[in-house]
Amino acid sequence: MVKVGDVIYCDPPYDGTFTDYHTDGFNELEQRRLATALDVLASAGHQVVVSNSETELTNAILPEFYPPPY
């Protein structure tokens, strides 16, 4: 479904904030599963952009998606 040249933008429920979009919520396991899927896409050469809050968890599981500090 993703083609060469496509940009993948992902705006999941932010870690540490409101996550009750679904009865099961969006917990750490879901954040980790999403990070793995995004990493697979990025490793395949696709451009991936992710918005999320900057927390200890997201820094650990999404380091390649964060810009370097100024």
PDB file of N, CA and C in Angstrom:
ATOM      1  N   MET A   1       0.818  -1.189   0.000  1.00  0.00           N
ATOM      2  CA  MET A   1       0.000   0.000   0.000  1.00  0.00           C
ATOM      3  C   MET A   1       0.871   1.266   0.000  1.00  0.00           C
ATOM      4  N   VAL A   2       2.006   1.217   0.675  1.00  0.00           N
ATOM      5  CA  VAL A   2       2.927   2.352   0.672  1.00  0.00           C
ATOM      6  C   VAL A   2       3.787   2.245  -0.577  1.00  0.00           C
ATOM      7  N   LYS A   3       3.870   3.347  -1.317  1.00  0.00           N
ATOM      8  CA  LYS A   3       4.638   3.354  -2.559  1.00  0.00           C
ATOM      9  C   LYS A   3       5.907   4.191  -2.392  1.00  0.00           C
ATOM     10  N   VAL A   4       6.851   3.969  -3.260  1.00  0.00           N
ATOM     11  CA  VAL A   4       8.086   4.746  -3.264  1.00  0.00           C
ATOM     12  C   VAL A   4       7.726   6.222  -3.371  1.00  0.00           C
ATOM     13  N   GLY A   5       8.329   7.022  -2.510  1.00  0.00           N
ATOM     14  CA  GLY A   5       8.093   8.467  -2.522  1.00  0.00           C
ATOM     15  C   GLY A   5       7.009   8.919  -1.559  1.00  0.00           C
ATOM     16  N   ASP A   6       6.222   7.975  -1.040  1.00  0.00           N
ATOM     17  CA  ASP A   6       5.198   8.342  -0.057  1.00  0.00           C
ATOM     18  C   ASP A   6       5.848   8.738   1.266  1.00  0.00           C
ATOM     19  N   VAL A   7       5.219   9.651   1.966  1.00  0.00           N
ATOM     20  CA  VAL A   7       5.632  10.026   3.318  1.00  0.00           C
ATOM     21  C   VAL A   7       4.565   9.497   4.266  1.00  0.00           C
ATOM     22  N   ILE A   8       4.991   8.829   5.305  1.00  0.00           N
ATOM     23  CA  ILE A   8       4.069   8.256   6.287  1.00  0.00           C
ATOM     24  C   ILE A   8       4.034   9.179   7.488  1.00  0.00           C
ATOM     25  N   TYR A   9       2.854   9.698   7.789  1.00  0.00           N
ATOM     26  CA  TYR A   9       2.689  10.560   8.968  1.00  0.00           C
ATOM     27  C   TYR A   9       1.827   9.821   9.972  1.00  0.00           C
ATOM     28  N   CYS A  10       2.283   9.780  11.210  1.00  0.00           N
ATOM     29  CA  CYS A  10       1.578   9.059  12.259  1.00  0.00           C
ATOM     30  C   CYS A  10       1.366   9.990  13.461  1.00  0.00           C
ATOM     31  N   ASP A  11       0.123  10.106  13.887  1.00  0.00           N
ATOM     32  CA  ASP A  11      -0.232  10.949  15.025  1.00  0.00           C
ATOM     33  C   ASP A  11      -1.012  10.095  16.036  1.00  0.00           C
ATOM     34  N   PRO A  12      -0.290   9.204  16.741  1.00  0.00           N
ATOM     35  CA  PRO A  12      -0.970   8.303  17.679  1.00  0.00           C
ATOM     36  C   PRO A  12      -1.358   9.038  18.963  1.00  0.00           C
ATOM     37  N   PRO A  13      -2.136   8.382  19.824  1.00  0.00           N
ATOM     38  CA  PRO A  13      -2.361   8.964  21.152  1.00  0.00           C
ATOM     39  C   PRO A  13      -1.004   9.198  21.818  1.00  0.00           C
ATOM     40  N   TYR A  14      -0.821  10.367  22.355  1.00  0.00           N
ATOM     41  CA  TYR A  14       0.475  10.715  22.940  1.00  0.00           C
ATOM     42  C   TYR A  14       0.714   9.953  24.234  1.00  0.00           C
ATOM     43  N   ASP A  15       1.960   9.551  24.426  1.00  0.00           N
ATOM     44  CA  ASP A  15       2.332   8.868  25.656  1.00  0.00           C
ATOM     45  C   ASP A  15       2.175   9.825  26.834  1.00  0.00           C
ATOM     46  N   GLY A  16       1.593   9.331  27.900  1.00  0.00           N
ATOM     47  CA  GLY A  16       1.477  10.121  29.119  1.00  0.00           C
ATOM     48  C   GLY A  16       0.316  11.091  29.145  1.00  0.00           C
ATOM     49  N   THR A  17      -0.528  11.091  28.108  1.00  0.00           N
ATOM     50  CA  THR A  17      -1.688  11.980  28.087  1.00  0.00           C
ATOM     51  C   THR A  17      -2.934  11.144  27.830  1.00  0.00           C
ATOM     52  N   PHE A  18      -3.999  11.776  27.407  1.00  0.00           N
ATOM     53  CA  PHE A  18      -5.258  11.083  27.169  1.00  0.00           C
ATOM     54  C   PHE A  18      -5.075   9.955  26.162  1.00  0.00           C
ATOM     55  N   THR A  19      -5.421   8.731  26.556  1.00  0.00           N
ATOM     56  CA  THR A  19      -5.244   7.568  25.677  1.00  0.00           C
ATOM     57  C   THR A  19      -6.514   6.730  25.574  1.00  0.00           C
ATOM     58  N   ASP A  20      -7.631   7.253  26.023  1.00  0.00           N
ATOM     59  CA  ASP A  20      -8.867   6.476  26.066  1.00  0.00           C
ATOM     60  C   ASP A  20      -9.703   6.609  24.791  1.00  0.00           C
ATOM     61  N   TYR A  21      -9.044   6.632  23.651  1.00  0.00           N
ATOM     62  CA  TYR A  21      -9.767   6.683  22.386  1.00  0.00           C
ATOM     63  C   TYR A  21     -10.489   5.373  22.113  1.00  0.00           C
ATOM     64  N   HIS A  22     -10.048   4.337  22.778  1.00  0.00           N
ATOM     65  CA  HIS A  22     -10.613   2.999  22.620  1.00  0.00           C
ATOM     66  C   HIS A  22     -10.803   2.423  24.013  1.00  0.00           C
ATOM     67  N   THR A  23     -11.712   1.494  24.154  1.00  0.00           N
ATOM     68  CA  THR A  23     -11.986   0.919  25.481  1.00  0.00           C
ATOM     69  C   THR A  23     -10.743   0.280  26.097  1.00  0.00           C
ATOM     70  N   ASP A  24      -9.821  -0.183  25.256  1.00  0.00           N
ATOM     71  CA  ASP A  24      -8.587  -0.780  25.767  1.00  0.00           C
ATOM     72  C   ASP A  24      -7.476   0.250  25.961  1.00  0.00           C
ATOM     73  N   GLY A  25      -7.734   1.498  25.594  1.00  0.00           N
ATOM     74  CA  GLY A  25      -6.717   2.537  25.729  1.00  0.00           C
ATOM     75  C   GLY A  25      -5.587   2.361  24.725  1.00  0.00           C
ATOM     76  N   PHE A  26      -4.508   3.070  24.945  1.00  0.00           N
ATOM     77  CA  PHE A  26      -3.312   2.977  24.099  1.00  0.00           C
ATOM     78  C   PHE A  26      -2.136   3.008  25.053  1.00  0.00           C
ATOM     79  N   ASN A  27      -1.731   1.840  25.488  1.00  0.00           N
ATOM     80  CA  ASN A  27      -0.746   1.722  26.564  1.00  0.00           C
ATOM     81  C   ASN A  27       0.682   1.572  26.026  1.00  0.00           C
ATOM     82  N   GLU A  28       1.589   1.273  26.923  1.00  0.00           N
ATOM     83  CA  GLU A  28       2.999   1.140  26.538  1.00  0.00           C
ATOM     84  C   GLU A  28       3.202   0.045  25.493  1.00  0.00           C
ATOM     85  N   LEU A  29       2.493  -1.067  25.645  1.00  0.00           N
ATOM     86  CA  LEU A  29       2.622  -2.144  24.663  1.00  0.00           C
ATOM     87  C   LEU A  29       2.221  -1.655  23.268  1.00  0.00           C
ATOM     88  N   GLU A  30       1.134  -0.902  23.187  1.00  0.00           N
ATOM     89  CA  GLU A  30       0.695  -0.369  21.896  1.00  0.00           C
ATOM     90  C   GLU A  30       1.710   0.628  21.340  1.00  0.00           C
ATOM     91  N   GLN A  31       2.275   1.469  22.202  1.00  0.00           N
ATOM     92  CA  GLN A  31       3.315   2.414  21.754  1.00  0.00           C
ATOM     93  C   GLN A  31       4.505   1.651  21.175  1.00  0.00           C
ATOM     94  N   ARG A  32       4.895   0.579  21.848  1.00  0.00           N
ATOM     95  CA  ARG A  32       6.038  -0.219  21.391  1.00  0.00           C
ATOM     96  C   ARG A  32       5.730  -0.937  20.072  1.00  0.00           C
ATOM     97  N   ARG A  33       4.530  -1.467  19.931  1.00  0.00           N
ATOM     98  CA  ARG A  33       4.136  -2.138  18.687  1.00  0.00           C
ATOM     99  C   ARG A  33       4.144  -1.147  17.525  1.00  0.00           C
ATOM    100  N   LEU A  34       3.644   0.041  17.760  1.00  0.00           N
ATOM    101  CA  LEU A  34       3.639   1.074  16.727  1.00  0.00           C
ATOM    102  C   LEU A  34       5.069   1.465  16.361  1.00  0.00           C
ATOM    103  N   ALA A  35       5.918   1.654  17.359  1.00  0.00           N
ATOM    104  CA  ALA A  35       7.314   2.029  17.099  1.00  0.00           C
ATOM    105  C   ALA A  35       8.010   0.973  16.249  1.00  0.00           C
ATOM    106  N   THR A  36       7.737  -0.291  16.517  1.00  0.00           N
ATOM    107  CA  THR A  36       8.333  -1.371  15.729  1.00  0.00           C
ATOM    108  C   THR A  36       7.864  -1.304  14.281  1.00  0.00           C
ATOM    109  N   ALA A  37       6.574  -1.093  14.084  1.00  0.00           N
ATOM    110  CA  ALA A  37       6.033  -1.001  12.723  1.00  0.00           C
ATOM    111  C   ALA A  37       6.633   0.191  11.973  1.00  0.00           C
ATOM    112  N   LEU A  38       6.758   1.321  12.651  1.00  0.00           N
ATOM    113  CA  LEU A  38       7.328   2.508  12.019  1.00  0.00           C
ATOM    114  C   LEU A  38       8.801   2.307  11.689  1.00  0.00           C
ATOM    115  N   ASP A  39       9.511   1.613  12.570  1.00  0.00           N
ATOM    116  CA  ASP A  39      10.919   1.325  12.336  1.00  0.00           C
ATOM    117  C   ASP A  39      11.094   0.431  11.112  1.00  0.00           C
ATOM    118  N   VAL A  40      10.211  -0.540  10.950  1.00  0.00           N
ATOM    119  CA  VAL A  40      10.263  -1.423   9.778  1.00  0.00           C
ATOM    120  C   VAL A  40      10.072  -0.594   8.501  1.00  0.00           C
ATOM    121  N   LEU A  41       9.096   0.298   8.522  1.00  0.00           N
ATOM    122  CA  LEU A  41       8.845   1.142   7.356  1.00  0.00           C
ATOM    123  C   LEU A  41      10.036   2.057   7.056  1.00  0.00           C
ATOM    124  N   ALA A  42      10.590   2.675   8.103  1.00  0.00           N
ATOM    125  CA  ALA A  42      11.745   3.564   7.912  1.00  0.00           C
ATOM    126  C   ALA A  42      12.958   2.780   7.409  1.00  0.00           C
ATOM    127  N   SER A  43      13.147   1.575   7.939  1.00  0.00           N
ATOM    128  CA  SER A  43      14.276   0.739   7.511  1.00  0.00           C
ATOM    129  C   SER A  43      14.137   0.304   6.058  1.00  0.00           C
ATOM    130  N   ALA A  44      12.902   0.258   5.567  1.00  0.00           N
ATOM    131  CA  ALA A  44      12.657  -0.101   4.171  1.00  0.00           C
ATOM    132  C   ALA A  44      12.844   1.101   3.239  1.00  0.00           C
ATOM    133  N   GLY A  45      13.222   2.252   3.806  1.00  0.00           N
ATOM    134  CA  GLY A  45      13.516   3.423   2.998  1.00  0.00           C
ATOM    135  C   GLY A  45      12.394   4.435   2.883  1.00  0.00           C
ATOM    136  N   HIS A  46      11.292   4.203   3.600  1.00  0.00           N
ATOM    137  CA  HIS A  46      10.185   5.153   3.553  1.00  0.00           C
ATOM    138  C   HIS A  46      10.441   6.306   4.521  1.00  0.00           C
ATOM    139  N   GLN A  47       9.980   7.485   4.152  1.00  0.00           N
ATOM    140  CA  GLN A  47      10.074   8.631   5.060  1.00  0.00           C
ATOM    141  C   GLN A  47       8.939   8.519   6.068  1.00  0.00           C
ATOM    142  N   VAL A  48       9.290   8.581   7.346  1.00  0.00           N
ATOM    143  CA  VAL A  48       8.301   8.445   8.424  1.00  0.00           C
ATOM    144  C   VAL A  48       8.387   9.674   9.316  1.00  0.00           C
ATOM    145  N   VAL A  49       7.240  10.277   9.590  1.00  0.00           N
ATOM    146  CA  VAL A  49       7.137  11.419  10.492  1.00  0.00           C
ATOM    147  C   VAL A  49       6.167  11.029  11.592  1.00  0.00           C
ATOM    148  N   VAL A  50       6.576  11.233  12.837  1.00  0.00           N
ATOM    149  CA  VAL A  50       5.747  10.853  13.979  1.00  0.00           C
ATOM    150  C   VAL A  50       5.601  12.050  14.904  1.00  0.00           C
ATOM    151  N   SER A  51       4.382  12.291  15.355  1.00  0.00           N
ATOM    152  CA  SER A  51       4.188  13.287  16.416  1.00  0.00           C
ATOM    153  C   SER A  51       3.817  12.517  17.676  1.00  0.00           C
ATOM    154  N   ASN A  52       4.387  12.946  18.782  1.00  0.00           N
ATOM    155  CA  ASN A  52       4.122  12.320  20.074  1.00  0.00           C
ATOM    156  C   ASN A  52       4.710  13.239  21.136  1.00  0.00           C
ATOM    157  N   SER A  53       4.358  12.998  22.370  1.00  0.00           N
ATOM    158  CA  SER A  53       4.980  13.767  23.441  1.00  0.00           C
ATOM    159  C   SER A  53       6.372  13.202  23.692  1.00  0.00           C
ATOM    160  N   GLU A  54       7.255  14.049  24.175  1.00  0.00           N
ATOM    161  CA  GLU A  54       8.606  13.593  24.477  1.00  0.00           C
ATOM    162  C   GLU A  54       8.645  13.112  25.917  1.00  0.00           C
ATOM    163  N   THR A  55       8.692  11.793  26.060  1.00  0.00           N
ATOM    164  CA  THR A  55       8.730  11.177  27.382  1.00  0.00           C
ATOM    165  C   THR A  55       9.893  10.188  27.426  1.00  0.00           C
ATOM    166  N   GLU A  56      10.141   9.638  28.582  1.00  0.00           N
ATOM    167  CA  GLU A  56      11.188   8.635  28.707  1.00  0.00           C
ATOM    168  C   GLU A  56      10.920   7.459  27.768  1.00  0.00           C
ATOM    169  N   LEU A  57       9.660   7.037  27.694  1.00  0.00           N
ATOM    170  CA  LEU A  57       9.303   5.912  26.826  1.00  0.00           C
ATOM    171  C   LEU A  57       9.524   6.255  25.354  1.00  0.00           C
ATOM    172  N   THR A  58       8.999   7.369  24.900  1.00  0.00           N
ATOM    173  CA  THR A  58       9.135   7.693  23.476  1.00  0.00           C
ATOM    174  C   THR A  58      10.594   7.963  23.097  1.00  0.00           C
ATOM    175  N   ASN A  59      11.367   8.532  23.998  1.00  0.00           N
ATOM    176  CA  ASN A  59      12.792   8.716  23.718  1.00  0.00           C
ATOM    177  C   ASN A  59      13.489   7.373  23.564  1.00  0.00           C
ATOM    178  N   ALA A  60      13.040   6.374  24.322  1.00  0.00           N
ATOM    179  CA  ALA A  60      13.654   5.048  24.272  1.00  0.00           C
ATOM    180  C   ALA A  60      13.245   4.269  23.027  1.00  0.00           C
ATOM    181  N   ILE A  61      11.982   4.386  22.619  1.00  0.00           N
ATOM    182  CA  ILE A  61      11.497   3.538  21.523  1.00  0.00           C
ATOM    183  C   ILE A  61      11.452   4.241  20.165  1.00  0.00           C
ATOM    184  N   LEU A  62      11.593   5.548  20.148  1.00  0.00           N
ATOM    185  CA  LEU A  62      11.534   6.301  18.889  1.00  0.00           C
ATOM    186  C   LEU A  62      12.742   7.222  18.693  1.00  0.00           C
ATOM    187  N   PRO A  63      13.949   6.822  19.097  1.00  0.00           N
ATOM    188  CA  PRO A  63      15.069   7.770  19.042  1.00  0.00           C
ATOM    189  C   PRO A  63      15.383   8.271  17.640  1.00  0.00           C
ATOM    190  N   GLU A  64      15.204   7.435  16.630  1.00  0.00           N
ATOM    191  CA  GLU A  64      15.536   7.852  15.261  1.00  0.00           C
ATOM    192  C   GLU A  64      14.525   8.837  14.688  1.00  0.00           C
ATOM    193  N   PHE A  65      13.401   9.014  15.373  1.00  0.00           N
ATOM    194  CA  PHE A  65      12.375   9.928  14.880  1.00  0.00           C
ATOM    195  C   PHE A  65      12.415  11.290  15.576  1.00  0.00           C
ATOM    196  N   TYR A  66      13.338  11.454  16.515  1.00  0.00           N
ATOM    197  CA  TYR A  66      13.464  12.737  17.200  1.00  0.00           C
ATOM    198  C   TYR A  66      14.606  13.527  16.608  1.00  0.00           C
ATOM    199  N   PRO A  67      14.417  14.826  16.400  1.00  0.00           N
ATOM    200  CA  PRO A  67      15.532  15.638  15.891  1.00  0.00           C
ATOM    201  C   PRO A  67      16.589  15.797  16.990  1.00  0.00           C
ATOM    202  N   PRO A  68      17.814  16.036  16.593  1.00  0.00           N
ATOM    203  CA  PRO A  68      18.850  16.259  17.612  1.00  0.00           C
ATOM    204  C   PRO A  68      18.554  17.537  18.384  1.00  0.00           C
ATOM    205  N   PRO A  69      18.974  17.603  19.644  1.00  0.00           N
ATOM    206  CA  PRO A  69      18.736  18.831  20.426  1.00  0.00           C
ATOM    207  C   PRO A  69      19.515  20.006  19.840  1.00  0.00           C
ATOM    208  N   TYR A  70      18.994  21.192  20.047  1.00  0.00           N
ATOM    209  CA  TYR A  70      19.653  22.401  19.542  1.00  0.00           C
ATOM    210  C   TYR A  70      20.831  22.752  20.401  1.00  0.00           C
TER     211      TYR A  70
END
